[in-house]
Amino acid sequence: MIGKILAGFIVFTALAAGAAMYWLQVYAYYDEVVANGTDDVQMTSLASGQPEPIIYDNFQAIDSDSSPIRYRACFTTNHSQAMLTETFQSYAKADPLVAPGWFDCFDAKELGRALENGTALAFLGQANFHYGIDRIVAVMDDGRGYVWNQINHCGEVVFNGEPAPADCPTPPKGY
């Protein structure tokens, strides 16, 4: 009888721990980002090399203090892809990261397919938004836009414990 009680306790504890870990990963650490309405969406200008705000609408975003790559945002814009391409720096290795299922405006699989087939274009929002992390902006041909943070080549090397490559800024202390 004691064995059944202990087995039941172990199963119950495992289920409770699994449910808690799931909730913590998917819901607990995300916060809604309140839009300021002016510079929530920025792209790096070809002319100045600096991030500049674009015109956008319907902005929604989430972020988390637990990781610099948990930021996700959705918006719409009236800017054409042709105008954006002529004005802002493209981003060749864009790889959208999956958002929590409840943040349903951000569909990384659809966006990834659109980037592959050319119906979406990726731009550099801001290089080294956090050290080793770039902010990426992608715009679909229908005006839907997406923003996420992605580890860049400097981050990949430094976060693996290796020295920063020559073309990278000096990492902050502790990296």
C-alpha atoms as a PDB file:
ATOM      1  CA  MET A   1       0.000   0.000   0.000  1.00  0.00           C
ATOM      2  CA  ILE A   2       2.851   2.420   0.861  1.00  0.00           C
ATOM      3  CA  GLY A   3       4.384   1.753  -2.572  1.00  0.00           C
ATOM      4  CA  LYS A   4       1.151   2.763  -4.326  1.00  0.00           C
ATOM      5  CA  ILE A   5       0.975   5.964  -2.292  1.00  0.00           C
ATOM      6  CA  LEU A   6       4.620   6.798  -3.048  1.00  0.00           C
ATOM      7  CA  ALA A   7       4.140   6.010  -6.753  1.00  0.00           C
ATOM      8  CA  GLY A   8       1.013   8.189  -6.843  1.00  0.00           C
ATOM      9  CA  PHE A   9       2.877  11.013  -5.106  1.00  0.00           C
ATOM     10  CA  ILE A  10       5.757  10.772  -7.596  1.00  0.00           C
ATOM     11  CA  VAL A  11       3.364  10.810 -10.580  1.00  0.00           C
ATOM     12  CA  PHE A  12       1.403  13.749  -9.142  1.00  0.00           C
ATOM     13  CA  THR A  13       4.619  15.683  -8.428  1.00  0.00           C
ATOM     14  CA  ALA A  14       5.943  15.024 -11.936  1.00  0.00           C
ATOM     15  CA  LEU A  15       2.679  16.196 -13.530  1.00  0.00           C
ATOM     16  CA  ALA A  16       2.578  19.328 -11.371  1.00  0.00           C
ATOM     17  CA  ALA A  17       6.226  20.136 -12.149  1.00  0.00           C
ATOM     18  CA  GLY A  18       5.660  19.585 -15.886  1.00  0.00           C
ATOM     19  CA  ALA A  19       2.589  21.825 -15.897  1.00  0.00           C
ATOM     20  CA  ALA A  20       4.465  24.502 -13.956  1.00  0.00           C
ATOM     21  CA  MET A  21       7.451  24.391 -16.339  1.00  0.00           C
ATOM     22  CA  TYR A  22       5.134  24.640 -19.354  1.00  0.00           C
ATOM     23  CA  TRP A  23       3.278  27.617 -17.863  1.00  0.00           C
ATOM     24  CA  LEU A  24       6.541  29.347 -16.927  1.00  0.00           C
ATOM     25  CA  GLN A  25       7.998  28.912 -20.433  1.00  0.00           C
ATOM     26  CA  VAL A  26       4.904  29.876 -22.405  1.00  0.00           C
ATOM     27  CA  TYR A  27       3.104  32.467 -20.270  1.00  0.00           C
ATOM     28  CA  ALA A  28       4.843  33.645 -17.123  1.00  0.00           C
ATOM     29  CA  TYR A  29       7.773  35.711 -18.333  1.00  0.00           C
ATOM     30  CA  TYR A  30       6.150  37.577 -21.225  1.00  0.00           C
ATOM     31  CA  ASP A  31       4.820  41.102 -20.899  1.00  0.00           C
ATOM     32  CA  GLU A  32       2.860  43.112 -23.423  1.00  0.00           C
ATOM     33  CA  VAL A  33       4.854  45.993 -24.875  1.00  0.00           C
ATOM     34  CA  VAL A  34       2.928  49.246 -24.847  1.00  0.00           C
ATOM     35  CA  ALA A  35       3.314  51.046 -28.161  1.00  0.00           C
ATOM     36  CA  ASN A  36       4.535  54.634 -28.017  1.00  0.00           C
ATOM     37  CA  GLY A  37       3.138  55.271 -31.509  1.00  0.00           C
ATOM     38  CA  THR A  38       6.217  56.895 -33.017  1.00  0.00           C
ATOM     39  CA  ASP A  39       9.305  54.675 -33.084  1.00  0.00           C
ATOM     40  CA  ASP A  40       8.200  51.165 -32.151  1.00  0.00           C
ATOM     41  CA  VAL A  41       9.247  49.981 -35.624  1.00  0.00           C
ATOM     42  CA  GLN A  42      12.653  51.151 -36.843  1.00  0.00           C
ATOM     43  CA  MET A  43      14.895  50.083 -39.720  1.00  0.00           C
ATOM     44  CA  THR A  44      18.523  50.912 -40.420  1.00  0.00           C
ATOM     45  CA  SER A  45      18.777  53.522 -43.161  1.00  0.00           C
ATOM     46  CA  LEU A  46      21.084  52.938 -46.121  1.00  0.00           C
ATOM     47  CA  ALA A  47      21.927  56.666 -46.147  1.00  0.00           C
ATOM     48  CA  SER A  48      22.695  57.288 -42.479  1.00  0.00           C
ATOM     49  CA  GLY A  49      23.453  53.785 -41.195  1.00  0.00           C
ATOM     50  CA  GLN A  50      21.216  54.574 -38.208  1.00  0.00           C
ATOM     51  CA  PRO A  51      17.831  53.132 -37.204  1.00  0.00           C
ATOM     52  CA  GLU A  52      14.961  55.341 -38.344  1.00  0.00           C
ATOM     53  CA  PRO A  53      11.247  54.945 -37.563  1.00  0.00           C
ATOM     54  CA  ILE A  54       8.830  53.969 -40.308  1.00  0.00           C
ATOM     55  CA  ILE A  55       5.104  54.612 -40.553  1.00  0.00           C
ATOM     56  CA  TYR A  56       3.150  51.724 -39.044  1.00  0.00           C
ATOM     57  CA  ASP A  57      -0.232  50.826 -37.595  1.00  0.00           C
ATOM     58  CA  ASN A  58      -1.810  47.973 -35.597  1.00  0.00           C
ATOM     59  CA  PHE A  59       1.326  47.432 -33.481  1.00  0.00           C
ATOM     60  CA  GLN A  60       1.312  44.510 -31.020  1.00  0.00           C
ATOM     61  CA  ALA A  61       4.375  43.245 -29.163  1.00  0.00           C
ATOM     62  CA  ILE A  62       5.552  41.024 -26.331  1.00  0.00           C
ATOM     63  CA  ASP A  63       8.889  40.883 -24.572  1.00  0.00           C
ATOM     64  CA  SER A  64      10.563  39.239 -21.611  1.00  0.00           C
ATOM     65  CA  ASP A  65      13.368  40.236 -19.282  1.00  0.00           C
ATOM     66  CA  SER A  66      14.461  36.592 -19.097  1.00  0.00           C
ATOM     67  CA  SER A  67      16.040  36.564 -22.573  1.00  0.00           C
ATOM     68  CA  PRO A  68      17.022  39.170 -25.174  1.00  0.00           C
ATOM     69  CA  ILE A  69      15.618  37.018 -28.003  1.00  0.00           C
ATOM     70  CA  ARG A  70      12.042  36.734 -26.704  1.00  0.00           C
ATOM     71  CA  TYR A  71      10.874  39.995 -28.307  1.00  0.00           C
ATOM     72  CA  ARG A  72       8.171  39.581 -30.985  1.00  0.00           C
ATOM     73  CA  ALA A  73       6.057  42.252 -32.661  1.00  0.00           C
ATOM     74  CA  CYS A  74       3.483  42.551 -35.422  1.00  0.00           C
ATOM     75  CA  PHE A  75       2.359  45.638 -37.308  1.00  0.00           C
ATOM     76  CA  THR A  76       1.041  46.827 -40.645  1.00  0.00           C
ATOM     77  CA  THR A  77       2.549  49.429 -42.942  1.00  0.00           C
ATOM     78  CA  ASN A  78       1.596  51.186 -46.165  1.00  0.00           C
ATOM     79  CA  HIS A  79       5.220  51.337 -47.342  1.00  0.00           C
ATOM     80  CA  SER A  80       5.878  49.223 -50.417  1.00  0.00           C
ATOM     81  CA  GLN A  81       8.612  46.629 -50.412  1.00  0.00           C
ATOM     82  CA  ALA A  82      10.269  48.494 -53.305  1.00  0.00           C
ATOM     83  CA  MET A  83      10.469  51.721 -51.277  1.00  0.00           C
ATOM     84  CA  LEU A  84      11.741  49.861 -48.208  1.00  0.00           C
ATOM     85  CA  THR A  85      14.414  48.090 -50.273  1.00  0.00           C
ATOM     86  CA  GLU A  86      15.660  51.392 -51.689  1.00  0.00           C
ATOM     87  CA  THR A  87      15.725  53.074 -48.272  1.00  0.00           C
ATOM     88  CA  PHE A  88      16.717  50.485 -45.667  1.00  0.00           C
ATOM     89  CA  GLN A  89      19.437  47.877 -45.180  1.00  0.00           C
ATOM     90  CA  SER A  90      18.348  44.332 -46.009  1.00  0.00           C
ATOM     91  CA  TYR A  91      19.133  41.389 -43.721  1.00  0.00           C
ATOM     92  CA  ALA A  92      20.220  38.245 -45.554  1.00  0.00           C
ATOM     93  CA  LYS A  93      20.133  35.602 -42.819  1.00  0.00           C
ATOM     94  CA  ALA A  94      16.763  36.343 -41.216  1.00  0.00           C
ATOM     95  CA  ASP A  95      15.416  33.363 -39.305  1.00  0.00           C
ATOM     96  CA  PRO A  96      12.155  34.145 -37.493  1.00  0.00           C
ATOM     97  CA  LEU A  97      11.877  32.619 -34.059  1.00  0.00           C
ATOM     98  CA  VAL A  98       8.662  30.921 -32.959  1.00  0.00           C
ATOM     99  CA  ALA A  99       6.393  32.963 -30.700  1.00  0.00           C
ATOM    100  CA  PRO A 100       4.157  31.524 -27.987  1.00  0.00           C
ATOM    101  CA  GLY A 101       0.956  30.105 -29.468  1.00  0.00           C
ATOM    102  CA  TRP A 102      -1.212  32.643 -27.670  1.00  0.00           C
ATOM    103  CA  PHE A 103       0.552  35.523 -29.497  1.00  0.00           C
ATOM    104  CA  ASP A 104      -1.263  34.596 -32.667  1.00  0.00           C
ATOM    105  CA  CYS A 105      -0.353  37.562 -34.881  1.00  0.00           C
ATOM    106  CA  PHE A 106       3.238  36.246 -35.175  1.00  0.00           C
ATOM    107  CA  ASP A 107       3.402  33.080 -37.283  1.00  0.00           C
ATOM    108  CA  ALA A 108       7.092  32.206 -37.679  1.00  0.00           C
ATOM    109  CA  LYS A 109       6.414  29.273 -40.022  1.00  0.00           C
ATOM    110  CA  GLU A 110       4.357  31.390 -42.441  1.00  0.00           C
ATOM    111  CA  LEU A 111       6.913  34.186 -42.216  1.00  0.00           C
ATOM    112  CA  GLY A 112       9.802  31.769 -42.826  1.00  0.00           C
ATOM    113  CA  ARG A 113       8.100  30.414 -45.963  1.00  0.00           C
ATOM    114  CA  ALA A 114       7.414  33.971 -47.153  1.00  0.00           C
ATOM    115  CA  LEU A 115      11.065  34.928 -46.658  1.00  0.00           C
ATOM    116  CA  GLU A 116      12.166  31.852 -48.607  1.00  0.00           C
ATOM    117  CA  ASN A 117       9.820  32.467 -51.550  1.00  0.00           C
ATOM    118  CA  GLY A 118      10.396  36.234 -51.643  1.00  0.00           C
ATOM    119  CA  THR A 119       6.920  37.445 -50.641  1.00  0.00           C
ATOM    120  CA  ALA A 120       8.477  38.855 -47.467  1.00  0.00           C
ATOM    121  CA  LEU A 121      11.679  40.871 -47.219  1.00  0.00           C
ATOM    122  CA  ALA A 122      13.863  41.184 -44.119  1.00  0.00           C
ATOM    123  CA  PHE A 123      15.614  44.358 -43.006  1.00  0.00           C
ATOM    124  CA  LEU A 124      18.032  45.254 -40.238  1.00  0.00           C
ATOM    125  CA  GLY A 125      16.089  47.052 -37.560  1.00  0.00           C
ATOM    126  CA  GLN A 126      19.087  47.718 -35.353  1.00  0.00           C
ATOM    127  CA  ALA A 127      22.466  45.991 -35.181  1.00  0.00           C
ATOM    128  CA  ASN A 128      23.568  44.899 -31.712  1.00  0.00           C
ATOM    129  CA  PHE A 129      20.310  45.968 -30.088  1.00  0.00           C
ATOM    130  CA  HIS A 130      21.801  44.029 -27.190  1.00  0.00           C
ATOM    131  CA  TYR A 131      25.398  42.846 -27.617  1.00  0.00           C
ATOM    132  CA  GLY A 132      25.345  39.963 -30.124  1.00  0.00           C
ATOM    133  CA  ILE A 133      21.627  40.416 -30.841  1.00  0.00           C
ATOM    134  CA  ASP A 134      20.182  42.181 -33.902  1.00  0.00           C
ATOM    135  CA  ARG A 135      16.603  43.418 -34.174  1.00  0.00           C
ATOM    136  CA  ILE A 136      15.117  42.213 -37.468  1.00  0.00           C
ATOM    137  CA  VAL A 137      12.084  43.638 -39.293  1.00  0.00           C
ATOM    138  CA  ALA A 138      10.323  41.710 -42.060  1.00  0.00           C
ATOM    139  CA  VAL A 139       7.565  43.061 -44.284  1.00  0.00           C
ATOM    140  CA  MET A 140       5.215  40.917 -46.365  1.00  0.00           C
ATOM    141  CA  ASP A 141       4.036  42.000 -49.789  1.00  0.00           C
ATOM    142  CA  ASP A 142       0.559  42.686 -48.312  1.00  0.00           C
ATOM    143  CA  GLY A 143       1.932  45.164 -45.730  1.00  0.00           C
ATOM    144  CA  ARG A 144       1.984  42.890 -42.694  1.00  0.00           C
ATOM    145  CA  GLY A 145       5.182  43.326 -40.725  1.00  0.00           C
ATOM    146  CA  TYR A 146       7.029  41.410 -38.043  1.00  0.00           C
ATOM    147  CA  VAL A 147       9.871  42.204 -35.667  1.00  0.00           C
ATOM    148  CA  TRP A 148      12.066  39.850 -33.633  1.00  0.00           C
ATOM    149  CA  ASN A 149      15.524  39.737 -32.074  1.00  0.00           C
ATOM    150  CA  GLN A 150      18.073  37.298 -33.515  1.00  0.00           C
ATOM    151  CA  ILE A 151      21.575  36.296 -32.474  1.00  0.00           C
ATOM    152  CA  ASN A 152      24.125  37.728 -34.936  1.00  0.00           C
ATOM    153  CA  HIS A 153      27.525  36.305 -35.950  1.00  0.00           C
ATOM    154  CA  CYS A 154      29.302  38.128 -33.079  1.00  0.00           C
ATOM    155  CA  GLY A 155      26.876  36.693 -30.533  1.00  0.00           C
ATOM    156  CA  GLU A 156      27.191  33.165 -31.903  1.00  0.00           C
ATOM    157  CA  VAL A 157      30.949  33.219 -31.331  1.00  0.00           C
ATOM    158  CA  VAL A 158      31.109  35.140 -28.043  1.00  0.00           C
ATOM    159  CA  PHE A 159      28.184  33.272 -26.435  1.00  0.00           C
ATOM    160  CA  ASN A 160      30.091  30.031 -27.118  1.00  0.00           C
ATOM    161  CA  GLY A 161      32.971  31.343 -25.000  1.00  0.00           C
ATOM    162  CA  GLU A 162      35.306  32.217 -27.864  1.00  0.00           C
ATOM    163  CA  PRO A 163      36.964  35.614 -28.428  1.00  0.00           C
ATOM    164  CA  ALA A 164      35.044  38.151 -30.519  1.00  0.00           C
ATOM    165  CA  PRO A 165      35.938  38.187 -34.222  1.00  0.00           C
ATOM    166  CA  ALA A 166      37.874  41.211 -35.494  1.00  0.00           C
ATOM    167  CA  ASP A 167      34.798  42.746 -37.165  1.00  0.00           C
ATOM    168  CA  CYS A 168      32.771  42.687 -33.916  1.00  0.00           C
ATOM    169  CA  PRO A 169      32.558  45.292 -31.189  1.00  0.00           C
ATOM    170  CA  THR A 170      34.285  44.508 -27.910  1.00  0.00           C
ATOM    171  CA  PRO A 171      31.942  42.464 -25.727  1.00  0.00           C
ATOM    172  CA  PRO A 172      30.836  43.954 -22.427  1.00  0.00           C
ATOM    173  CA  LYS A 173      32.457  42.521 -19.285  1.00  0.00           C
ATOM    174  CA  GLY A 174      30.964  39.213 -18.258  1.00  0.00           C
ATOM    175  CA  TYR A 175      30.501  37.814 -21.780  1.00  0.00           C
END
